[in-house]
């Protein structure tokens, strides 16, 4: 695997010499809330229900590779989560979710769509 050097450059805004502020998730990856569409938030792992986990097993090699990648550069792609009445349901990102669990990370970046109970029933079929 390639070694990466961290280059630190001062960030200057277009409004003069004041520094540009960047927010980052708990695993160091910058993100911002999109203007439209799904929200991207850090959600505690224990708040995400995984209704499809019993239907298939994750590839252990893929989980190990993701764990190494997350250790080095953080999670690059949030998992998809459906929120129904304040409860979060994860239907994709099973390998990323397990990698976070095994690394002992308390939260994971999620792309959250809001839906109804009917939407949830549709996903469970």
PDB file of N, CA and C in Angstrom:
ATOM      1  N   UNK A   1       0.851  -1.170   0.000  1.00  0.00           N
ATOM      2  CA  UNK A   1       0.000   0.000   0.000  1.00  0.00           C
ATOM      3  C   UNK A   1       0.899   1.237   0.000  1.00  0.00           C
ATOM      4  N   UNK A   2       0.521   2.259  -0.694  1.00  0.00           N
ATOM      5  CA  UNK A   2       1.328   3.479  -0.803  1.00  0.00           C
ATOM      6  C   UNK A   2       1.333   4.253   0.510  1.00  0.00           C
ATOM      7  N   UNK A   3       2.458   4.914   0.775  1.00  0.00           N
ATOM      8  CA  UNK A   3       2.538   5.797   1.931  1.00  0.00           C
ATOM      9  C   UNK A   3       2.142   7.193   1.500  1.00  0.00           C
ATOM     10  N   UNK A   4       1.407   7.884   2.329  1.00  0.00           N
ATOM     11  CA  UNK A   4       0.953   9.221   2.018  1.00  0.00           C
ATOM     12  C   UNK A   4       1.578  10.208   2.990  1.00  0.00           C
ATOM     13  N   UNK A   5       2.048  11.310   2.466  1.00  0.00           N
ATOM     14  CA  UNK A   5       2.583  12.377   3.316  1.00  0.00           C
ATOM     15  C   UNK A   5       1.492  13.415   3.507  1.00  0.00           C
ATOM     16  N   UNK A   6       1.422  13.967   4.688  1.00  0.00           N
ATOM     17  CA  UNK A   6       0.423  14.988   4.985  1.00  0.00           C
ATOM     18  C   UNK A   6       1.034  16.352   4.742  1.00  0.00           C
ATOM     19  N   UNK A   7       0.474  17.097   3.832  1.00  0.00           N
ATOM     20  CA  UNK A   7       0.946  18.435   3.507  1.00  0.00           C
ATOM     21  C   UNK A   7      -0.002  19.434   4.131  1.00  0.00           C
ATOM     22  N   UNK A   8       0.501  20.300   4.973  1.00  0.00           N
ATOM     23  CA  UNK A   8      -0.340  21.296   5.636  1.00  0.00           C
ATOM     24  C   UNK A   8      -0.093  22.661   4.995  1.00  0.00           C
ATOM     25  N   UNK A   9      -1.139  23.216   4.416  1.00  0.00           N
ATOM     26  CA  UNK A   9      -1.063  24.529   3.795  1.00  0.00           C
ATOM     27  C   UNK A   9      -2.055  25.448   4.481  1.00  0.00           C
ATOM     28  N   UNK A  10      -1.711  26.716   4.658  1.00  0.00           N
ATOM     29  CA  UNK A  10      -2.699  27.639   5.228  1.00  0.00           C
ATOM     30  C   UNK A  10      -3.822  27.864   4.220  1.00  0.00           C
ATOM     31  N   UNK A  11      -5.038  27.843   4.704  1.00  0.00           N
ATOM     32  CA  UNK A  11      -6.187  28.083   3.838  1.00  0.00           C
ATOM     33  C   UNK A  11      -6.625  29.524   3.999  1.00  0.00           C
ATOM     34  N   UNK A  12      -6.650  30.246   2.912  1.00  0.00           N
ATOM     35  CA  UNK A  12      -7.020  31.655   2.920  1.00  0.00           C
ATOM     36  C   UNK A  12      -8.313  31.812   2.137  1.00  0.00           C
ATOM     37  N   UNK A  13      -9.262  32.506   2.714  1.00  0.00           N
ATOM     38  CA  UNK A  13     -10.530  32.717   2.022  1.00  0.00           C
ATOM     39  C   UNK A  13     -10.354  33.784   0.948  1.00  0.00           C
ATOM     40  N   UNK A  14     -11.328  33.885   0.084  1.00  0.00           N
ATOM     41  CA  UNK A  14     -11.292  34.890  -0.980  1.00  0.00           C
ATOM     42  C   UNK A  14     -11.634  36.278  -0.443  1.00  0.00           C
ATOM     43  N   UNK A  15     -11.943  36.364   0.846  1.00  0.00           N
ATOM     44  CA  UNK A  15     -12.312  37.639   1.460  1.00  0.00           C
ATOM     45  C   UNK A  15     -11.157  38.229   2.251  1.00  0.00           C
ATOM     46  N   UNK A  16      -9.968  38.106   1.761  1.00  0.00           N
ATOM     47  CA  UNK A  16      -8.825  38.668   2.473  1.00  0.00           C
ATOM     48  C   UNK A  16      -7.956  37.585   3.058  1.00  0.00           C
ATOM     49  N   UNK A  17      -7.301  37.922   4.153  1.00  0.00           N
ATOM     50  CA  UNK A  17      -6.332  36.993   4.710  1.00  0.00           C
ATOM     51  C   UNK A  17      -6.870  36.195   5.895  1.00  0.00           C
ATOM     52  N   UNK A  18      -8.185  36.242   6.141  1.00  0.00           N
ATOM     53  CA  UNK A  18      -8.712  35.459   7.258  1.00  0.00           C
ATOM     54  C   UNK A  18      -8.731  33.982   6.882  1.00  0.00           C
ATOM     55  N   UNK A  19      -8.424  33.112   7.852  1.00  0.00           N
ATOM     56  CA  UNK A  19      -8.378  31.681   7.539  1.00  0.00           C
ATOM     57  C   UNK A  19      -9.759  31.121   7.228  1.00  0.00           C
ATOM     58  N   UNK A  20      -9.777  30.139   6.365  1.00  0.00           N
ATOM     59  CA  UNK A  20     -11.005  29.449   5.990  1.00  0.00           C
ATOM     60  C   UNK A  20     -11.248  28.338   7.003  1.00  0.00           C
ATOM     61  N   UNK A  21     -12.449  28.246   7.559  1.00  0.00           N
ATOM     62  CA  UNK A  21     -12.761  27.217   8.539  1.00  0.00           C
ATOM     63  C   UNK A  21     -13.310  25.984   7.830  1.00  0.00           C
ATOM     64  N   UNK A  22     -12.822  24.840   8.261  1.00  0.00           N
ATOM     65  CA  UNK A  22     -13.290  23.568   7.715  1.00  0.00           C
ATOM     66  C   UNK A  22     -13.780  22.716   8.869  1.00  0.00           C
ATOM     67  N   UNK A  23     -14.998  22.174   8.749  1.00  0.00           N
ATOM     68  CA  UNK A  23     -15.507  21.247   9.757  1.00  0.00           C
ATOM     69  C   UNK A  23     -15.137  19.833   9.313  1.00  0.00           C
ATOM     70  N   UNK A  24     -14.901  18.956  10.270  1.00  0.00           N
ATOM     71  CA  UNK A  24     -14.570  17.579   9.946  1.00  0.00           C
ATOM     72  C   UNK A  24     -15.370  16.638  10.822  1.00  0.00           C
ATOM     73  N   UNK A  25     -15.616  15.454  10.299  1.00  0.00           N
ATOM     74  CA  UNK A  25     -16.290  14.439  11.095  1.00  0.00           C
ATOM     75  C   UNK A  25     -15.310  13.869  12.105  1.00  0.00           C
ATOM     76  N   UNK A  26     -15.795  13.011  12.980  1.00  0.00           N
ATOM     77  CA  UNK A  26     -14.946  12.463  14.029  1.00  0.00           C
ATOM     78  C   UNK A  26     -13.804  11.627  13.484  1.00  0.00           C
ATOM     79  N   UNK A  27     -13.916  11.158  12.247  1.00  0.00           N
ATOM     80  CA  UNK A  27     -12.815  10.385  11.693  1.00  0.00           C
ATOM     81  C   UNK A  27     -11.942  11.228  10.764  1.00  0.00           C
ATOM     82  N   UNK A  28     -12.059  12.555  10.830  1.00  0.00           N
ATOM     83  CA  UNK A  28     -11.142  13.452  10.138  1.00  0.00           C
ATOM     84  C   UNK A  28     -11.495  13.833   8.722  1.00  0.00           C
ATOM     85  N   UNK A  29     -12.589  13.345   8.186  1.00  0.00           N
ATOM     86  CA  UNK A  29     -12.950  13.645   6.803  1.00  0.00           C
ATOM     87  C   UNK A  29     -13.839  14.875   6.767  1.00  0.00           C
ATOM     88  N   UNK A  30     -13.430  15.947   6.040  1.00  0.00           N
ATOM     89  CA  UNK A  30     -14.275  17.142   5.968  1.00  0.00           C
ATOM     90  C   UNK A  30     -15.617  16.819   5.304  1.00  0.00           C
ATOM     91  N   UNK A  31     -16.662  17.463   5.772  1.00  0.00           N
ATOM     92  CA  UNK A  31     -17.968  17.319   5.138  1.00  0.00           C
ATOM     93  C   UNK A  31     -18.787  18.555   5.392  1.00  0.00           C
ATOM     94  N   UNK A  32     -19.809  18.707   4.585  1.00  0.00           N
ATOM     95  CA  UNK A  32     -20.730  19.817   4.793  1.00  0.00           C
ATOM     96  C   UNK A  32     -22.133  19.313   4.506  1.00  0.00           C
ATOM     97  N   UNK A  33     -23.096  19.974   5.079  1.00  0.00           N
ATOM     98  CA  UNK A  33     -24.489  19.603   4.863  1.00  0.00           C
ATOM     99  C   UNK A  33     -24.908  20.082   3.473  1.00  0.00           C
ATOM    100  N   UNK A  34     -25.446  19.189   2.629  1.00  0.00           N
ATOM    101  CA  UNK A  34     -25.878  19.618   1.311  1.00  0.00           C
ATOM    102  C   UNK A  34     -27.063  20.570   1.410  1.00  0.00           C
ATOM    103  N   UNK A  35     -27.198  21.427   0.406  1.00  0.00           N
ATOM    104  CA  UNK A  35     -28.292  22.401   0.391  1.00  0.00           C
ATOM    105  C   UNK A  35     -29.642  21.726   0.161  1.00  0.00           C
ATOM    106  N   UNK A  36     -29.660  20.661  -0.649  1.00  0.00           N
ATOM    107  CA  UNK A  36     -30.889  19.917  -0.900  1.00  0.00           C
ATOM    108  C   UNK A  36     -30.574  18.432  -0.849  1.00  0.00           C
ATOM    109  N   UNK A  37     -31.604  17.630  -0.712  1.00  0.00           N
ATOM    110  CA  UNK A  37     -31.398  16.188  -0.692  1.00  0.00           C
ATOM    111  C   UNK A  37     -31.106  15.676   0.696  1.00  0.00           C
ATOM    112  N   UNK A  38     -30.504  14.484   0.745  1.00  0.00           N
ATOM    113  CA  UNK A  38     -30.254  13.856   2.044  1.00  0.00           C
ATOM    114  C   UNK A  38     -29.267  14.651   2.896  1.00  0.00           C
ATOM    115  N   UNK A  39     -29.427  14.553   4.211  1.00  0.00           N
ATOM    116  CA  UNK A  39     -28.486  15.148   5.154  1.00  0.00           C
ATOM    117  C   UNK A  39     -27.347  14.167   5.381  1.00  0.00           C
ATOM    118  N   UNK A  40     -26.170  14.687   5.703  1.00  0.00           N
ATOM    119  CA  UNK A  40     -25.041  13.839   6.072  1.00  0.00           C
ATOM    120  C   UNK A  40     -24.681  14.173   7.505  1.00  0.00           C
ATOM    121  N   UNK A  41     -24.835  13.164   8.391  1.00  0.00           N
ATOM    122  CA  UNK A  41     -24.607  13.351   9.818  1.00  0.00           C
ATOM    123  C   UNK A  41     -23.814  12.184  10.384  1.00  0.00           C
ATOM    124  N   UNK A  42     -23.148  12.414  11.515  1.00  0.00           N
ATOM    125  CA  UNK A  42     -22.519  11.356  12.295  1.00  0.00           C
ATOM    126  C   UNK A  42     -23.597  10.784  13.215  1.00  0.00           C
ATOM    127  N   UNK A  43     -23.824   9.486  13.130  1.00  0.00           N
ATOM    128  CA  UNK A  43     -24.839   8.824  13.941  1.00  0.00           C
ATOM    129  C   UNK A  43     -24.138   7.773  14.804  1.00  0.00           C
ATOM    130  N   UNK A  44     -24.489   7.676  16.090  1.00  0.00           N
ATOM    131  CA  UNK A  44     -23.932   6.594  16.916  1.00  0.00           C
ATOM    132  C   UNK A  44     -24.319   5.228  16.337  1.00  0.00           C
ATOM    133  N   UNK A  45     -23.365   4.307  16.303  1.00  0.00           N
ATOM    134  CA  UNK A  45     -23.627   2.982  15.734  1.00  0.00           C
ATOM    135  C   UNK A  45     -24.815   2.294  16.401  1.00  0.00           C
ATOM    136  N   UNK A  46     -24.940   2.460  17.733  1.00  0.00           N
ATOM    137  CA  UNK A  46     -26.018   1.752  18.427  1.00  0.00           C
ATOM    138  C   UNK A  46     -27.394   2.317  18.099  1.00  0.00           C
ATOM    139  N   UNK A  47     -27.474   3.460  17.441  1.00  0.00           N
ATOM    140  CA  UNK A  47     -28.771   4.052  17.069  1.00  0.00           C
ATOM    141  C   UNK A  47     -29.254   3.556  15.699  1.00  0.00           C
ATOM    142  N   UNK A  48     -28.421   2.771  15.006  1.00  0.00           N
ATOM    143  CA  UNK A  48     -28.764   2.318  13.650  1.00  0.00           C
ATOM    144  C   UNK A  48     -29.208   0.866  13.704  1.00  0.00           C
ATOM    145  N   UNK A  49     -30.426   0.614  13.279  1.00  0.00           N
ATOM    146  CA  UNK A  49     -30.938  -0.757  13.190  1.00  0.00           C
ATOM    147  C   UNK A  49     -30.530  -1.337  11.853  1.00  0.00           C
ATOM    148  N   UNK A  50     -30.090  -2.577  11.875  1.00  0.00           N
ATOM    149  CA  UNK A  50     -29.625  -3.261  10.663  1.00  0.00           C
ATOM    150  C   UNK A  50     -30.562  -4.423  10.356  1.00  0.00           C
ATOM    151  N   UNK A  51     -31.742  -4.165   9.781  1.00  0.00           N
ATOM    152  CA  UNK A  51     -32.738  -5.228   9.608  1.00  0.00           C
ATOM    153  C   UNK A  51     -32.325  -6.333   8.648  1.00  0.00           C
ATOM    154  N   UNK A  52     -31.350  -6.112   7.782  1.00  0.00           N
ATOM    155  CA  UNK A  52     -30.962  -7.125   6.798  1.00  0.00           C
ATOM    156  C   UNK A  52     -29.685  -7.873   7.179  1.00  0.00           C
ATOM    157  N   UNK A  53     -29.108  -7.605   8.360  1.00  0.00           N
ATOM    158  CA  UNK A  53     -27.831  -8.217   8.736  1.00  0.00           C
ATOM    159  C   UNK A  53     -27.920  -9.739   8.795  1.00  0.00           C
ATOM    160  N   UNK A  54     -29.056 -10.292   9.144  1.00  0.00           N
ATOM    161  CA  UNK A  54     -29.172 -11.740   9.274  1.00  0.00           C
ATOM    162  C   UNK A  54     -29.286 -12.447   7.918  1.00  0.00           C
ATOM    163  N   UNK A  55     -29.547 -11.710   6.859  1.00  0.00           N
ATOM    164  CA  UNK A  55     -29.789 -12.345   5.565  1.00  0.00           C
ATOM    165  C   UNK A  55     -28.526 -12.647   4.785  1.00  0.00           C
ATOM    166  N   UNK A  56     -27.391 -12.036   5.154  1.00  0.00           N
ATOM    167  CA  UNK A  56     -26.149 -12.332   4.439  1.00  0.00           C
ATOM    168  C   UNK A  56     -24.958 -12.026   5.343  1.00  0.00           C
ATOM    169  N   UNK A  57     -23.863 -12.686   5.026  1.00  0.00           N
ATOM    170  CA  UNK A  57     -22.636 -12.478   5.794  1.00  0.00           C
ATOM    171  C   UNK A  57     -21.716 -11.532   5.022  1.00  0.00           C
ATOM    172  N   UNK A  58     -20.968 -10.715   5.759  1.00  0.00           N
ATOM    173  CA  UNK A  58     -19.991  -9.827   5.134  1.00  0.00           C
ATOM    174  C   UNK A  58     -18.743 -10.611   4.744  1.00  0.00           C
ATOM    175  N   UNK A  59     -18.052 -10.128   3.731  1.00  0.00           N
ATOM    176  CA  UNK A  59     -16.780 -10.702   3.301  1.00  0.00           C
ATOM    177  C   UNK A  59     -15.700 -10.240   4.280  1.00  0.00           C
ATOM    178  N   UNK A  60     -15.114 -11.151   5.079  1.00  0.00           N
ATOM    179  CA  UNK A  60     -14.142 -10.755   6.100  1.00  0.00           C
ATOM    180  C   UNK A  60     -12.927 -10.018   5.524  1.00  0.00           C
ATOM    181  N   UNK A  61     -12.492 -10.412   4.340  1.00  0.00           N
ATOM    182  CA  UNK A  61     -11.339  -9.748   3.715  1.00  0.00           C
ATOM    183  C   UNK A  61     -11.669  -8.295   3.366  1.00  0.00           C
ATOM    184  N   UNK A  62     -12.865  -8.071   2.850  1.00  0.00           N
ATOM    185  CA  UNK A  62     -13.289  -6.707   2.513  1.00  0.00           C
ATOM    186  C   UNK A  62     -13.389  -5.848   3.775  1.00  0.00           C
ATOM    187  N   UNK A  63     -13.907  -6.428   4.867  1.00  0.00           N
ATOM    188  CA  UNK A  63     -14.015  -5.689   6.130  1.00  0.00           C
ATOM    189  C   UNK A  63     -12.611  -5.301   6.619  1.00  0.00           C
ATOM    190  N   UNK A  64     -11.650  -6.237   6.553  1.00  0.00           N
ATOM    191  CA  UNK A  64     -10.264  -5.957   6.970  1.00  0.00           C
ATOM    192  C   UNK A  64      -9.657  -4.825   6.131  1.00  0.00           C
ATOM    193  N   UNK A  65      -9.881  -4.861   4.823  1.00  0.00           N
ATOM    194  CA  UNK A  65      -9.359  -3.809   3.938  1.00  0.00           C
ATOM    195  C   UNK A  65      -9.977  -2.458   4.293  1.00  0.00           C
ATOM    196  N   UNK A  66     -11.271  -2.443   4.548  1.00  0.00           N
ATOM    197  CA  UNK A  66     -11.943  -1.199   4.932  1.00  0.00           C
ATOM    198  C   UNK A  66     -11.420  -0.681   6.270  1.00  0.00           C
ATOM    199  N   UNK A  67     -11.178  -1.588   7.209  1.00  0.00           N
ATOM    200  CA  UNK A  67     -10.647  -1.176   8.511  1.00  0.00           C
ATOM    201  C   UNK A  67      -9.309  -0.467   8.335  1.00  0.00           C
ATOM    202  N   UNK A  68      -8.449  -1.026   7.515  1.00  0.00           N
ATOM    203  CA  UNK A  68      -7.138  -0.412   7.274  1.00  0.00           C
ATOM    204  C   UNK A  68      -7.303   0.954   6.605  1.00  0.00           C
ATOM    205  N   UNK A  69      -8.192   1.038   5.626  1.00  0.00           N
ATOM    206  CA  UNK A  69      -8.429   2.304   4.927  1.00  0.00           C
ATOM    207  C   UNK A  69      -8.989   3.361   5.879  1.00  0.00           C
ATOM    208  N   UNK A  70      -9.945   2.970   6.711  1.00  0.00           N
ATOM    209  CA  UNK A  70     -10.557   3.913   7.655  1.00  0.00           C
ATOM    210  C   UNK A  70      -9.522   4.385   8.669  1.00  0.00           C
ATOM    211  N   UNK A  71      -8.642   3.464   9.113  1.00  0.00           N
ATOM    212  CA  UNK A  71      -7.558   3.866  10.027  1.00  0.00           C
ATOM    213  C   UNK A  71      -6.658   4.923   9.393  1.00  0.00           C
ATOM    214  N   UNK A  72      -6.346   4.740   8.097  1.00  0.00           N
ATOM    215  CA  UNK A  72      -5.404   5.629   7.412  1.00  0.00           C
ATOM    216  C   UNK A  72      -6.024   6.951   6.973  1.00  0.00           C
ATOM    217  N   UNK A  73      -7.199   6.879   6.345  1.00  0.00           N
ATOM    218  CA  UNK A  73      -7.737   8.096   5.726  1.00  0.00           C
ATOM    219  C   UNK A  73      -9.167   8.434   6.135  1.00  0.00           C
ATOM    220  N   UNK A  74      -9.763   7.615   6.997  1.00  0.00           N
ATOM    221  CA  UNK A  74     -11.135   7.887   7.413  1.00  0.00           C
ATOM    222  C   UNK A  74     -12.135   7.321   6.428  1.00  0.00           C
ATOM    223  N   UNK A  75     -13.384   7.359   6.804  1.00  0.00           N
ATOM    224  CA  UNK A  75     -14.469   6.863   5.954  1.00  0.00           C
ATOM    225  C   UNK A  75     -14.678   7.846   4.803  1.00  0.00           C
ATOM    226  N   UNK A  76     -14.595   7.357   3.586  1.00  0.00           N
ATOM    227  CA  UNK A  76     -14.715   8.223   2.412  1.00  0.00           C
ATOM    228  C   UNK A  76     -16.144   8.341   1.896  1.00  0.00           C
ATOM    229  N   UNK A  77     -16.944   7.304   2.091  1.00  0.00           N
ATOM    230  CA  UNK A  77     -18.312   7.295   1.568  1.00  0.00           C
ATOM    231  C   UNK A  77     -19.274   6.971   2.708  1.00  0.00           C
ATOM    232  N   UNK A  78     -20.200   7.884   3.048  1.00  0.00           N
ATOM    233  CA  UNK A  78     -21.137   7.594   4.133  1.00  0.00           C
ATOM    234  C   UNK A  78     -22.049   6.424   3.787  1.00  0.00           C
ATOM    235  N   UNK A  79     -22.558   5.756   4.819  1.00  0.00           N
ATOM    236  CA  UNK A  79     -23.537   4.695   4.572  1.00  0.00           C
ATOM    237  C   UNK A  79     -24.900   5.344   4.369  1.00  0.00           C
ATOM    238  N   UNK A  80     -25.795   4.638   3.705  1.00  0.00           N
ATOM    239  CA  UNK A  80     -27.151   5.137   3.479  1.00  0.00           C
ATOM    240  C   UNK A  80     -28.057   4.667   4.605  1.00  0.00           C
ATOM    241  N   UNK A  81     -28.825   5.611   5.164  1.00  0.00           N
ATOM    242  CA  UNK A  81     -29.703   5.325   6.290  1.00  0.00           C
ATOM    243  C   UNK A  81     -31.078   5.921   5.989  1.00  0.00           C
ATOM    244  N   UNK A  82     -32.110   5.163   6.329  1.00  0.00           N
ATOM    245  CA  UNK A  82     -33.480   5.644   6.208  1.00  0.00           C
ATOM    246  C   UNK A  82     -33.973   5.988   7.603  1.00  0.00           C
ATOM    247  N   UNK A  83     -34.453   7.218   7.797  1.00  0.00           N
ATOM    248  CA  UNK A  83     -35.017   7.621   9.088  1.00  0.00           C
ATOM    249  C   UNK A  83     -36.533   7.580   8.989  1.00  0.00           C
ATOM    250  N   UNK A  84     -37.146   6.815   9.883  1.00  0.00           N
ATOM    251  CA  UNK A  84     -38.607   6.716   9.957  1.00  0.00           C
ATOM    252  C   UNK A  84     -39.000   6.978  11.396  1.00  0.00           C
ATOM    253  N   UNK A  85     -39.731   8.053  11.619  1.00  0.00           N
ATOM    254  CA  UNK A  85     -40.204   8.422  12.955  1.00  0.00           C
ATOM    255  C   UNK A  85     -39.072   8.469  13.985  1.00  0.00           C
ATOM    256  N   UNK A  86     -37.936   9.028  13.595  1.00  0.00           N
ATOM    257  CA  UNK A  86     -36.807   9.195  14.509  1.00  0.00           C
ATOM    258  C   UNK A  86     -35.950   7.961  14.715  1.00  0.00           C
ATOM    259  N   UNK A  87     -36.251   6.862  14.020  1.00  0.00           N
ATOM    260  CA  UNK A  87     -35.458   5.634  14.116  1.00  0.00           C
ATOM    261  C   UNK A  87     -34.680   5.473  12.812  1.00  0.00           C
ATOM    262  N   UNK A  88     -33.387   5.127  12.938  1.00  0.00           N
ATOM    263  CA  UNK A  88     -32.515   4.998  11.773  1.00  0.00           C
ATOM    264  C   UNK A  88     -32.380   3.533  11.374  1.00  0.00           C
ATOM    265  N   UNK A  89     -32.578   3.255  10.070  1.00  0.00           N
ATOM    266  CA  UNK A  89     -32.465   1.910   9.522  1.00  0.00           C
ATOM    267  C   UNK A  89     -31.387   1.923   8.447  1.00  0.00           C
ATOM    268  N   UNK A  90     -30.390   1.051   8.602  1.00  0.00           N
ATOM    269  CA  UNK A  90     -29.319   0.947   7.620  1.00  0.00           C
ATOM    270  C   UNK A  90     -29.553  -0.219   6.692  1.00  0.00           C
ATOM    271  N   UNK A  91     -29.574   0.048   5.389  1.00  0.00           N
ATOM    272  CA  UNK A  91     -29.790  -1.006   4.406  1.00  0.00           C
ATOM    273  C   UNK A  91     -28.591  -1.212   3.496  1.00  0.00           C
ATOM    274  N   UNK A  92     -27.656  -0.297   3.502  1.00  0.00           N
ATOM    275  CA  UNK A  92     -26.450  -0.456   2.696  1.00  0.00           C
ATOM    276  C   UNK A  92     -25.261  -0.065   3.564  1.00  0.00           C
ATOM    277  N   UNK A  93     -24.070  -0.387   3.092  1.00  0.00           N
ATOM    278  CA  UNK A  93     -22.871  -0.051   3.844  1.00  0.00           C
ATOM    279  C   UNK A  93     -22.561  -1.054   4.938  1.00  0.00           C
ATOM    280  N   UNK A  94     -22.977  -2.314   4.753  1.00  0.00           N
ATOM    281  CA  UNK A  94     -22.778  -3.338   5.780  1.00  0.00           C
ATOM    282  C   UNK A  94     -21.303  -3.538   6.122  1.00  0.00           C
ATOM    283  N   UNK A  95     -20.444  -3.553   5.116  1.00  0.00           N
ATOM    284  CA  UNK A  95     -19.010  -3.746   5.361  1.00  0.00           C
ATOM    285  C   UNK A  95     -18.414  -2.549   6.093  1.00  0.00           C
ATOM    286  N   UNK A  96     -18.817  -1.335   5.697  1.00  0.00           N
ATOM    287  CA  UNK A  96     -18.319  -0.126   6.362  1.00  0.00           C
ATOM    288  C   UNK A  96     -18.808  -0.072   7.808  1.00  0.00           C
ATOM    289  N   UNK A  97     -20.056  -0.458   8.021  1.00  0.00           N
ATOM    290  CA  UNK A  97     -20.632  -0.489   9.373  1.00  0.00           C
ATOM    291  C   UNK A  97     -19.852  -1.462  10.262  1.00  0.00           C
ATOM    292  N   UNK A  98     -19.611  -2.683   9.757  1.00  0.00           N
ATOM    293  CA  UNK A  98     -18.874  -3.680  10.543  1.00  0.00           C
ATOM    294  C   UNK A  98     -17.440  -3.225  10.804  1.00  0.00           C
ATOM    295  N   UNK A  99     -16.807  -2.586   9.817  1.00  0.00           N
ATOM    296  CA  UNK A  99     -15.445  -2.081  10.012  1.00  0.00           C
ATOM    297  C   UNK A  99     -15.420  -1.061  11.151  1.00  0.00           C
ATOM    298  N   UNK A 100     -16.400  -0.173  11.195  1.00  0.00           N
ATOM    299  CA  UNK A 100     -16.486   0.807  12.287  1.00  0.00           C
ATOM    300  C   UNK A 100     -16.691   0.104  13.631  1.00  0.00           C
ATOM    301  N   UNK A 101     -17.554  -0.904  13.654  1.00  0.00           N
ATOM    302  CA  UNK A 101     -17.780  -1.659  14.892  1.00  0.00           C
ATOM    303  C   UNK A 101     -16.483  -2.291  15.374  1.00  0.00           C
ATOM    304  N   UNK A 102     -15.788  -2.970  14.486  1.00  0.00           N
ATOM    305  CA  UNK A 102     -14.566  -3.688  14.870  1.00  0.00           C
ATOM    306  C   UNK A 102     -13.435  -2.744  15.260  1.00  0.00           C
ATOM    307  N   UNK A 103     -13.443  -1.526  14.709  1.00  0.00           N
ATOM    308  CA  UNK A 103     -12.439  -0.528  15.095  1.00  0.00           C
ATOM    309  C   UNK A 103     -12.790   0.151  16.417  1.00  0.00           C
ATOM    310  N   UNK A 104     -14.003  -0.086  16.902  1.00  0.00           N
ATOM    311  CA  UNK A 104     -14.435   0.526  18.157  1.00  0.00           C
ATOM    312  C   UNK A 104     -14.813   1.988  18.015  1.00  0.00           C
ATOM    313  N   UNK A 105     -15.160   2.410  16.793  1.00  0.00           N
ATOM    314  CA  UNK A 105     -15.564   3.801  16.563  1.00  0.00           C
ATOM    315  C   UNK A 105     -17.012   3.983  17.026  1.00  0.00           C
ATOM    316  N   UNK A 106     -17.308   5.048  17.745  1.00  0.00           N
ATOM    317  CA  UNK A 106     -18.658   5.214  18.305  1.00  0.00           C
ATOM    318  C   UNK A 106     -19.695   5.688  17.288  1.00  0.00           C
ATOM    319  N   UNK A 107     -19.254   6.378  16.226  1.00  0.00           N
ATOM    320  CA  UNK A 107     -20.199   6.932  15.258  1.00  0.00           C
ATOM    321  C   UNK A 107     -19.761   6.586  13.844  1.00  0.00           C
ATOM    322  N   UNK A 108     -20.683   6.779  12.908  1.00  0.00           N
ATOM    323  CA  UNK A 108     -20.389   6.578  11.491  1.00  0.00           C
ATOM    324  C   UNK A 108     -21.113   7.660  10.693  1.00  0.00           C
ATOM    325  N   UNK A 109     -20.458   8.147   9.634  1.00  0.00           N
ATOM    326  CA  UNK A 109     -21.095   9.148   8.759  1.00  0.00           C
ATOM    327  C   UNK A 109     -22.204   8.476   7.962  1.00  0.00           C
ATOM    328  N   UNK A 110     -23.369   9.119   7.942  1.00  0.00           N
ATOM    329  CA  UNK A 110     -24.545   8.561   7.277  1.00  0.00           C
ATOM    330  C   UNK A 110     -25.171   9.593   6.348  1.00  0.00           C
ATOM    331  N   UNK A 111     -25.593   9.101   5.206  1.00  0.00           N
ATOM    332  CA  UNK A 111     -26.430   9.895   4.309  1.00  0.00           C
ATOM    333  C   UNK A 111     -27.859   9.509   4.669  1.00  0.00           C
ATOM    334  N   UNK A 112     -28.602  10.472   5.212  1.00  0.00           N
ATOM    335  CA  UNK A 112     -29.920  10.175   5.776  1.00  0.00           C
ATOM    336  C   UNK A 112     -31.035  10.628   4.848  1.00  0.00           C
ATOM    337  N   UNK A 113     -31.884   9.671   4.504  1.00  0.00           N
ATOM    338  CA  UNK A 113     -33.127   9.968   3.795  1.00  0.00           C
ATOM    339  C   UNK A 113     -34.247   9.792   4.794  1.00  0.00           C
ATOM    340  N   UNK A 114     -35.239  10.617   4.729  1.00  0.00           N
ATOM    341  CA  UNK A 114     -36.400  10.479   5.604  1.00  0.00           C
ATOM    342  C   UNK A 114     -37.507   9.783   4.828  1.00  0.00           C
ATOM    343  N   UNK A 115     -38.217   8.901   5.512  1.00  0.00           N
ATOM    344  CA  UNK A 115     -39.267   8.154   4.838  1.00  0.00           C
ATOM    345  C   UNK A 115     -40.404   7.833   5.785  1.00  0.00           C
ATOM    346  N   UNK A 116     -41.385   7.181   5.231  1.00  0.00           N
ATOM    347  CA  UNK A 116     -42.571   6.779   5.990  1.00  0.00           C
ATOM    348  C   UNK A 116     -42.472   5.296   6.335  1.00  0.00           C
ATOM    349  N   UNK A 117     -43.418   4.823   7.146  1.00  0.00           N
ATOM    350  CA  UNK A 117     -43.462   3.395   7.469  1.00  0.00           C
ATOM    351  C   UNK A 117     -43.687   2.563   6.211  1.00  0.00           C
ATOM    352  N   UNK A 118     -44.413   3.115   5.256  1.00  0.00           N
ATOM    353  CA  UNK A 118     -44.632   2.409   3.987  1.00  0.00           C
ATOM    354  C   UNK A 118     -43.312   2.259   3.221  1.00  0.00           C
ATOM    355  N   UNK A 119     -42.480   3.296   3.233  1.00  0.00           N
ATOM    356  CA  UNK A 119     -41.158   3.215   2.599  1.00  0.00           C
ATOM    357  C   UNK A 119     -40.330   2.121   3.267  1.00  0.00           C
ATOM    358  N   UNK A 120     -40.380   2.048   4.587  1.00  0.00           N
ATOM    359  CA  UNK A 120     -39.655   1.024   5.336  1.00  0.00           C
ATOM    360  C   UNK A 120     -40.158  -0.371   4.955  1.00  0.00           C
ATOM    361  N   UNK A 121     -41.464  -0.540   4.902  1.00  0.00           N
ATOM    362  CA  UNK A 121     -42.031  -1.840   4.515  1.00  0.00           C
ATOM    363  C   UNK A 121     -41.550  -2.234   3.127  1.00  0.00           C
ATOM    364  N   UNK A 122     -41.494  -1.275   2.216  1.00  0.00           N
ATOM    365  CA  UNK A 122     -41.016  -1.542   0.854  1.00  0.00           C
ATOM    366  C   UNK A 122     -39.576  -2.065   0.884  1.00  0.00           C
ATOM    367  N   UNK A 123     -38.711  -1.463   1.695  1.00  0.00           N
ATOM    368  CA  UNK A 123     -37.309  -1.888   1.785  1.00  0.00           C
ATOM    369  C   UNK A 123     -37.164  -3.261   2.422  1.00  0.00           C
ATOM    370  N   UNK A 124     -38.090  -3.633   3.288  1.00  0.00           N
ATOM    371  CA  UNK A 124     -38.009  -4.914   3.981  1.00  0.00           C
ATOM    372  C   UNK A 124     -38.547  -6.092   3.155  1.00  0.00           C
ATOM    373  N   UNK A 125     -39.201  -5.802   2.036  1.00  0.00           N
ATOM    374  CA  UNK A 125     -39.757  -6.888   1.180  1.00  0.00           C
ATOM    375  C   UNK A 125     -38.669  -7.651   0.493  1.00  0.00           C
TER     376      UNK A 125
END
